[in-house]
Amino acid sequence: MRTAKNDILQSANIFLKEFMILLIKLQRVPAAPQSEISQIPHQTNHHKKLPKGADAVENRIRELRRQQKVTQDELAKAVGVTRQTIISLEGGKYVASLGLAHKLAVFFGVTIEDIFIFD
């Protein structure tokens, strides 16, 4: 039973990654002024813990944050999450929700695919 659950979770993770890639290809995220970040709807679940054995989605959050000389705390406050969420995303322990990925893209002035690296 546990193996079937893991298989379902892994399949769902693969589906979500492919769906996110498709969304990115169909619609690029335009850069927006900093003031527009607060207008993006707030979500309480900003990230999903990866199932054991699932492939992590690499990201450039740490690199972009350092290039712009922004602390983890400053970035967290700007996009409406905790510093721990930023730490977990940078460490590859969690995958950002689409809403949070959009907020990060707007903050950095890049597209979602410029932040997240899909295999």
N, C-alpha and C. Protein backbone atom coordinates (compact mmCIF):
# COMPACT_ATOMS: atom_id res chain seq x y z
N MET A 1 0.83 -1.20 0.00
CA MET A 1 0.00 0.00 0.00
C MET A 1 0.87 1.26 0.00
N ARG A 2 1.94 1.22 0.78
CA ARG A 2 2.80 2.39 0.87
C ARG A 2 3.49 2.66 -0.47
N THR A 3 3.87 1.61 -1.17
CA THR A 3 4.52 1.77 -2.47
C THR A 3 3.56 2.41 -3.48
N ALA A 4 2.30 1.99 -3.46
CA ALA A 4 1.31 2.56 -4.37
C ALA A 4 1.14 4.05 -4.08
N LYS A 5 1.13 4.42 -2.81
CA LYS A 5 0.99 5.82 -2.44
C LYS A 5 2.19 6.63 -2.94
N ASN A 6 3.39 6.06 -2.77
CA ASN A 6 4.60 6.74 -3.25
C ASN A 6 4.58 6.89 -4.77
N ASP A 7 4.13 5.85 -5.47
CA ASP A 7 4.03 5.91 -6.92
C ASP A 7 3.06 7.00 -7.37
N ILE A 8 1.94 7.10 -6.68
CA ILE A 8 0.95 8.13 -7.01
C ILE A 8 1.53 9.51 -6.76
N LEU A 9 2.20 9.69 -5.62
CA LEU A 9 2.80 10.99 -5.30
C LEU A 9 3.87 11.36 -6.32
N GLN A 10 4.68 10.40 -6.71
CA GLN A 10 5.74 10.67 -7.69
C GLN A 10 5.12 11.02 -9.06
N SER A 11 4.07 10.30 -9.44
CA SER A 11 3.40 10.59 -10.70
C SER A 11 2.78 11.98 -10.67
N ALA A 12 2.17 12.33 -9.54
CA ALA A 12 1.57 13.66 -9.40
C ALA A 12 2.64 14.74 -9.48
N ASN A 13 3.80 14.49 -8.88
CA ASN A 13 4.90 15.45 -8.91
C ASN A 13 5.39 15.66 -10.35
N ILE A 14 5.51 14.59 -11.09
CA ILE A 14 5.94 14.67 -12.49
C ILE A 14 4.90 15.43 -13.30
N PHE A 15 3.62 15.12 -13.09
CA PHE A 15 2.54 15.82 -13.80
C PHE A 15 2.59 17.31 -13.51
N LEU A 16 2.74 17.68 -12.23
CA LEU A 16 2.76 19.09 -11.86
C LEU A 16 3.95 19.81 -12.49
N LYS A 17 5.12 19.17 -12.53
CA LYS A 17 6.28 19.79 -13.16
C LYS A 17 6.01 20.02 -14.65
N GLU A 18 5.47 19.01 -15.33
CA GLU A 18 5.19 19.14 -16.75
C GLU A 18 4.12 20.20 -17.01
N PHE A 19 3.11 20.25 -16.14
CA PHE A 19 2.06 21.25 -16.27
C PHE A 19 2.63 22.65 -16.09
N MET A 20 3.52 22.82 -15.10
CA MET A 20 4.12 24.13 -14.85
C MET A 20 4.98 24.55 -16.04
N ILE A 21 5.71 23.63 -16.63
CA ILE A 21 6.52 23.93 -17.81
C ILE A 21 5.62 24.39 -18.96
N LEU A 22 4.50 23.69 -19.15
CA LEU A 22 3.56 24.07 -20.20
C LEU A 22 3.00 25.46 -19.96
N LEU A 23 2.62 25.76 -18.72
CA LEU A 23 2.10 27.10 -18.41
C LEU A 23 3.14 28.17 -18.71
N ILE A 24 4.37 27.89 -18.37
CA ILE A 24 5.44 28.85 -18.60
C ILE A 24 5.63 29.09 -20.10
N LYS A 25 5.58 28.02 -20.87
CA LYS A 25 5.75 28.16 -22.32
C LYS A 25 4.59 28.92 -22.95
N LEU A 26 3.38 28.74 -22.41
CA LEU A 26 2.21 29.39 -22.99
C LEU A 26 2.10 30.86 -22.59
N GLN A 27 2.60 31.18 -21.42
CA GLN A 27 2.45 32.55 -20.95
C GLN A 27 3.67 32.95 -20.15
N ARG A 28 4.42 33.87 -20.66
CA ARG A 28 5.59 34.38 -19.94
C ARG A 28 5.13 35.37 -18.89
N VAL A 29 5.88 35.44 -17.80
CA VAL A 29 5.57 36.37 -16.73
C VAL A 29 6.26 37.69 -17.04
N PRO A 30 5.51 38.76 -17.27
CA PRO A 30 6.15 40.04 -17.54
C PRO A 30 6.71 40.65 -16.27
N ALA A 31 7.76 41.41 -16.40
CA ALA A 31 8.30 42.13 -15.26
C ALA A 31 7.28 43.19 -14.85
N ALA A 32 7.11 43.36 -13.54
CA ALA A 32 6.14 44.33 -13.03
C ALA A 32 6.81 45.20 -11.99
N PRO A 33 6.30 46.42 -11.80
CA PRO A 33 6.85 47.28 -10.77
C PRO A 33 6.71 46.63 -9.40
N GLN A 34 7.62 46.96 -8.50
CA GLN A 34 7.64 46.41 -7.15
C GLN A 34 6.30 46.58 -6.45
N SER A 35 5.59 47.67 -6.70
CA SER A 35 4.31 47.94 -6.03
C SER A 35 3.23 46.94 -6.41
N GLU A 36 3.37 46.28 -7.57
CA GLU A 36 2.36 45.33 -8.00
C GLU A 36 2.47 43.98 -7.29
N ILE A 37 3.58 43.71 -6.62
CA ILE A 37 3.74 42.43 -5.94
C ILE A 37 2.66 42.26 -4.89
N SER A 38 2.34 43.30 -4.16
CA SER A 38 1.34 43.19 -3.09
C SER A 38 -0.05 42.95 -3.64
N GLN A 39 -0.29 43.19 -4.93
CA GLN A 39 -1.60 42.98 -5.52
C GLN A 39 -1.83 41.54 -5.94
N ILE A 40 -0.78 40.72 -5.92
CA ILE A 40 -0.93 39.30 -6.25
C ILE A 40 -1.61 38.63 -5.08
N PRO A 41 -2.67 37.83 -5.30
CA PRO A 41 -3.41 37.23 -4.19
C PRO A 41 -2.52 36.44 -3.24
N HIS A 42 -2.83 36.55 -1.96
CA HIS A 42 -2.07 35.86 -0.92
C HIS A 42 -2.52 34.41 -0.81
N GLN A 43 -1.58 33.51 -0.72
CA GLN A 43 -1.88 32.10 -0.50
C GLN A 43 -1.22 31.67 0.80
N THR A 44 -1.85 30.75 1.50
CA THR A 44 -1.26 30.29 2.75
C THR A 44 -0.27 29.15 2.52
N ASN A 45 -0.44 28.36 1.47
CA ASN A 45 0.45 27.24 1.21
C ASN A 45 1.35 27.61 0.03
N HIS A 46 2.54 28.15 0.35
CA HIS A 46 3.41 28.69 -0.69
C HIS A 46 4.37 27.66 -1.28
N HIS A 47 4.48 26.54 -0.63
CA HIS A 47 5.42 25.55 -1.10
C HIS A 47 4.93 24.16 -0.75
N LYS A 48 5.43 23.20 -1.47
CA LYS A 48 5.07 21.81 -1.24
C LYS A 48 6.33 21.03 -0.93
N LYS A 49 6.27 20.25 0.16
CA LYS A 49 7.40 19.39 0.49
C LYS A 49 7.46 18.28 -0.54
N LEU A 50 8.65 17.99 -0.99
CA LEU A 50 8.82 16.95 -2.01
C LEU A 50 8.65 15.57 -1.40
N PRO A 51 7.94 14.67 -2.10
CA PRO A 51 7.85 13.30 -1.62
C PRO A 51 9.24 12.66 -1.65
N LYS A 52 9.47 11.72 -0.76
CA LYS A 52 10.77 11.05 -0.70
C LYS A 52 11.08 10.41 -2.05
N GLY A 53 12.26 10.67 -2.57
CA GLY A 53 12.69 10.11 -3.84
C GLY A 53 12.27 10.93 -5.05
N ALA A 54 11.50 11.99 -4.85
CA ALA A 54 11.07 12.82 -5.98
C ALA A 54 12.21 13.72 -6.43
N ASP A 55 12.21 14.05 -7.70
CA ASP A 55 13.23 14.94 -8.24
C ASP A 55 12.94 16.38 -7.82
N ALA A 56 13.95 17.05 -7.32
CA ALA A 56 13.81 18.46 -6.94
C ALA A 56 13.90 19.32 -8.19
N VAL A 57 13.24 20.45 -8.16
CA VAL A 57 13.36 21.43 -9.23
C VAL A 57 14.43 22.41 -8.78
N GLU A 58 15.50 22.49 -9.55
CA GLU A 58 16.57 23.43 -9.19
C GLU A 58 16.09 24.85 -9.39
N ASN A 59 16.67 25.77 -8.61
CA ASN A 59 16.28 27.16 -8.77
C ASN A 59 17.49 28.07 -8.59
N ARG A 60 17.30 29.32 -9.00
CA ARG A 60 18.36 30.33 -8.92
C ARG A 60 18.00 31.42 -7.92
N ILE A 61 17.14 31.10 -6.96
CA ILE A 61 16.69 32.11 -6.00
C ILE A 61 17.87 32.71 -5.24
N ARG A 62 18.74 31.87 -4.70
CA ARG A 62 19.88 32.37 -3.94
C ARG A 62 20.77 33.27 -4.81
N GLU A 63 21.05 32.80 -6.01
CA GLU A 63 21.90 33.57 -6.94
C GLU A 63 21.29 34.94 -7.27
N LEU A 64 20.00 34.95 -7.61
CA LEU A 64 19.33 36.22 -7.94
C LEU A 64 19.25 37.14 -6.73
N ARG A 65 18.98 36.55 -5.57
CA ARG A 65 18.88 37.34 -4.34
C ARG A 65 20.22 38.00 -4.02
N ARG A 66 21.29 37.25 -4.17
CA ARG A 66 22.63 37.80 -3.88
C ARG A 66 23.03 38.85 -4.91
N GLN A 67 22.68 38.63 -6.18
CA GLN A 67 22.99 39.62 -7.23
C GLN A 67 22.33 40.96 -6.91
N GLN A 68 21.12 40.90 -6.37
CA GLN A 68 20.39 42.12 -6.06
C GLN A 68 20.63 42.60 -4.63
N LYS A 69 21.55 41.92 -3.93
CA LYS A 69 21.93 42.30 -2.56
C LYS A 69 20.71 42.40 -1.64
N VAL A 70 19.90 41.33 -1.66
CA VAL A 70 18.70 41.25 -0.85
C VAL A 70 18.88 40.12 0.15
N THR A 71 18.51 40.35 1.40
CA THR A 71 18.61 39.29 2.41
C THR A 71 17.43 38.33 2.26
N GLN A 72 17.55 37.15 2.87
CA GLN A 72 16.45 36.20 2.86
C GLN A 72 15.22 36.81 3.52
N ASP A 73 15.43 37.53 4.61
CA ASP A 73 14.32 38.15 5.33
C ASP A 73 13.63 39.21 4.47
N GLU A 74 14.39 40.03 3.78
CA GLU A 74 13.82 41.06 2.91
C GLU A 74 13.00 40.44 1.78
N LEU A 75 13.55 39.39 1.18
CA LEU A 75 12.84 38.71 0.09
C LEU A 75 11.56 38.08 0.62
N ALA A 76 11.65 37.42 1.78
CA ALA A 76 10.47 36.78 2.37
C ALA A 76 9.36 37.79 2.61
N LYS A 77 9.71 38.93 3.18
CA LYS A 77 8.70 39.97 3.46
C LYS A 77 8.12 40.52 2.16
N ALA A 78 8.95 40.68 1.14
CA ALA A 78 8.48 41.25 -0.14
C ALA A 78 7.47 40.34 -0.84
N VAL A 79 7.64 39.03 -0.70
CA VAL A 79 6.74 38.10 -1.39
C VAL A 79 5.72 37.46 -0.46
N GLY A 80 5.74 37.85 0.82
CA GLY A 80 4.70 37.41 1.75
C GLY A 80 4.84 36.00 2.31
N VAL A 81 6.09 35.57 2.53
CA VAL A 81 6.33 34.26 3.14
C VAL A 81 7.29 34.43 4.32
N THR A 82 7.60 33.34 4.99
CA THR A 82 8.56 33.39 6.09
C THR A 82 9.97 33.22 5.54
N ARG A 83 10.94 33.62 6.34
CA ARG A 83 12.34 33.43 5.97
C ARG A 83 12.64 31.93 5.82
N GLN A 84 12.01 31.11 6.66
CA GLN A 84 12.22 29.66 6.59
C GLN A 84 11.79 29.11 5.23
N THR A 85 10.73 29.67 4.66
CA THR A 85 10.29 29.23 3.33
C THR A 85 11.37 29.52 2.30
N ILE A 86 11.96 30.71 2.37
CA ILE A 86 13.04 31.07 1.43
C ILE A 86 14.23 30.13 1.62
N ILE A 87 14.59 29.86 2.87
CA ILE A 87 15.70 28.94 3.16
C ILE A 87 15.41 27.57 2.56
N SER A 88 14.19 27.06 2.74
CA SER A 88 13.82 25.74 2.23
C SER A 88 13.80 25.71 0.70
N LEU A 89 13.33 26.78 0.09
CA LEU A 89 13.33 26.84 -1.38
C LEU A 89 14.75 26.88 -1.92
N GLU A 90 15.60 27.72 -1.32
CA GLU A 90 16.99 27.81 -1.78
C GLU A 90 17.73 26.49 -1.58
N GLY A 91 17.38 25.77 -0.53
CA GLY A 91 18.04 24.50 -0.24
C GLY A 91 17.48 23.33 -1.02
N GLY A 92 16.43 23.56 -1.80
CA GLY A 92 15.85 22.50 -2.61
C GLY A 92 14.97 21.53 -1.84
N LYS A 93 14.56 21.90 -0.62
CA LYS A 93 13.71 21.01 0.18
C LYS A 93 12.25 21.12 -0.22
N TYR A 94 11.89 22.24 -0.81
CA TYR A 94 10.50 22.50 -1.19
C TYR A 94 10.45 23.04 -2.62
N VAL A 95 9.28 22.88 -3.23
CA VAL A 95 9.01 23.44 -4.55
C VAL A 95 7.98 24.54 -4.36
N ALA A 96 8.22 25.69 -4.93
CA ALA A 96 7.31 26.83 -4.78
C ALA A 96 5.99 26.56 -5.49
N SER A 97 4.91 27.08 -4.91
CA SER A 97 3.62 27.04 -5.60
C SER A 97 3.72 27.96 -6.82
N LEU A 98 2.78 27.83 -7.73
CA LEU A 98 2.81 28.68 -8.92
C LEU A 98 2.64 30.15 -8.53
N GLY A 99 1.80 30.41 -7.53
CA GLY A 99 1.60 31.78 -7.06
C GLY A 99 2.87 32.38 -6.50
N LEU A 100 3.59 31.62 -5.68
CA LEU A 100 4.84 32.11 -5.12
C LEU A 100 5.90 32.25 -6.21
N ALA A 101 5.94 31.31 -7.14
CA ALA A 101 6.89 31.41 -8.26
C ALA A 101 6.65 32.70 -9.03
N HIS A 102 5.39 33.06 -9.24
CA HIS A 102 5.05 34.30 -9.94
C HIS A 102 5.52 35.51 -9.14
N LYS A 103 5.27 35.52 -7.84
CA LYS A 103 5.71 36.64 -6.99
C LYS A 103 7.22 36.80 -7.03
N LEU A 104 7.95 35.69 -7.00
CA LEU A 104 9.41 35.74 -7.07
C LEU A 104 9.86 36.31 -8.42
N ALA A 105 9.21 35.87 -9.50
CA ALA A 105 9.56 36.36 -10.83
C ALA A 105 9.32 37.86 -10.93
N VAL A 106 8.20 38.32 -10.39
CA VAL A 106 7.89 39.75 -10.41
C VAL A 106 8.93 40.51 -9.59
N PHE A 107 9.26 39.99 -8.42
CA PHE A 107 10.23 40.66 -7.55
C PHE A 107 11.58 40.82 -8.25
N PHE A 108 12.05 39.73 -8.87
CA PHE A 108 13.36 39.77 -9.52
C PHE A 108 13.31 40.38 -10.92
N GLY A 109 12.13 40.58 -11.47
CA GLY A 109 12.00 41.16 -12.81
C GLY A 109 12.42 40.20 -13.91
N VAL A 110 12.16 38.91 -13.69
CA VAL A 110 12.51 37.88 -14.67
C VAL A 110 11.30 36.97 -14.88
N THR A 111 11.43 36.01 -15.77
CA THR A 111 10.36 35.02 -15.96
C THR A 111 10.53 33.90 -14.96
N ILE A 112 9.47 33.12 -14.78
CA ILE A 112 9.53 31.97 -13.87
C ILE A 112 10.61 31.00 -14.34
N GLU A 113 10.70 30.79 -15.64
CA GLU A 113 11.69 29.83 -16.14
C GLU A 113 13.12 30.34 -15.98
N ASP A 114 13.30 31.65 -15.76
CA ASP A 114 14.64 32.17 -15.44
C ASP A 114 15.04 31.83 -14.01
N ILE A 115 14.07 31.56 -13.17
CA ILE A 115 14.34 31.21 -11.76
C ILE A 115 14.43 29.71 -11.57
N PHE A 116 13.47 28.98 -12.15
CA PHE A 116 13.38 27.54 -11.93
C PHE A 116 13.91 26.79 -13.15
N ILE A 117 14.72 25.78 -12.89
CA ILE A 117 15.38 25.01 -13.94
C ILE A 117 14.69 23.66 -14.04
N PHE A 118 14.02 23.43 -15.18
CA PHE A 118 13.30 22.20 -15.40
C PHE A 118 14.10 21.31 -16.33
N ASP A 119 14.19 20.05 -15.96
CA ASP A 119 14.94 19.09 -16.81
C ASP A 119 14.11 18.64 -17.97
